Protein backbone atom coordinates (compact mmCIF):
# COMPACT_ATOMS: atom_id res chain seq x y z
CA LEU A 1 92.25 108.97 109.62
CA ARG A 2 94.45 110.79 111.76
CA ALA A 3 97.44 111.26 109.59
CA PRO A 4 98.16 111.23 105.88
CA THR A 5 98.60 107.60 104.35
CA THR A 6 99.01 106.36 101.00
CA VAL A 7 98.14 102.89 99.56
CA GLY A 8 99.16 102.44 95.87
CA ASP A 9 97.42 104.91 93.71
CA ILE A 10 94.99 106.05 96.79
CA HIS A 11 96.02 109.15 99.06
CA ILE A 12 93.84 109.83 102.17
CA TRP A 13 94.25 112.56 104.64
CA PRO A 14 92.20 114.24 107.50
CA CYS A 15 90.79 117.58 106.74
CA GLY A 16 89.71 119.12 109.89
CA ARG A 17 88.06 117.48 112.81
CA VAL A 18 85.35 115.93 110.74
CA GLN A 19 86.23 115.73 107.06
CA ALA A 20 88.56 113.34 105.50
CA VAL A 21 90.03 113.58 101.63
CA MET A 22 90.66 110.65 99.35
CA GLU A 23 92.83 111.11 96.18
CA PHE A 24 92.55 108.57 93.48
CA HIS A 25 95.28 108.60 90.80
CA SER A 26 95.14 106.74 87.50
CA PRO A 27 96.75 107.20 84.09
CA LYS A 28 93.63 108.92 82.80
CA GLY A 29 93.90 111.46 85.76
CA VAL A 30 93.24 112.22 89.44
CA ALA A 31 89.60 112.34 91.25
CA VAL A 32 89.42 114.11 94.76
CA VAL A 33 86.52 113.31 97.21
CA GLN A 34 85.77 114.53 100.46
CA PHE A 35 83.86 112.45 103.09
CA GLU A 36 82.65 112.94 106.58
CA LYS A 37 84.98 110.72 108.74
CA LYS A 38 81.98 109.09 110.52
CA ALA A 39 80.50 108.06 107.11
CA LEU A 40 83.97 106.75 105.75
CA VAL A 41 84.41 104.55 109.06
CA ARG A 42 81.05 103.08 108.84
CA PHE A 43 81.67 102.14 105.21
CA LEU A 44 85.03 100.67 105.74
CA ARG A 45 83.76 98.80 108.64
CA ARG A 46 80.66 97.04 106.70
CA THR A 47 83.21 96.29 103.81
CA TYR A 48 85.75 94.61 106.34
CA THR A 49 82.74 92.55 107.94
CA THR A 50 81.14 91.65 104.50
CA ALA A 51 84.47 90.89 102.52
CA THR A 52 85.81 87.46 102.35
CA PRO A 53 89.35 87.27 102.69
CA VAL A 54 91.42 86.19 99.46
CA ALA A 55 93.58 82.98 99.71
CA ARG A 56 97.04 83.16 98.84
């Protein structure tokens, strides 16, 4: 969350010191959401600890 990044159709970039912006692209349009970085980090940590890895 310190520099812009893109993964597939999702773009994330910092917005000031405490905000982050996520942009979701689809064939039907674009959605832009702004989060507090702390809330986003807490959410991501919870998803990483509860998600089971996909076998390949």
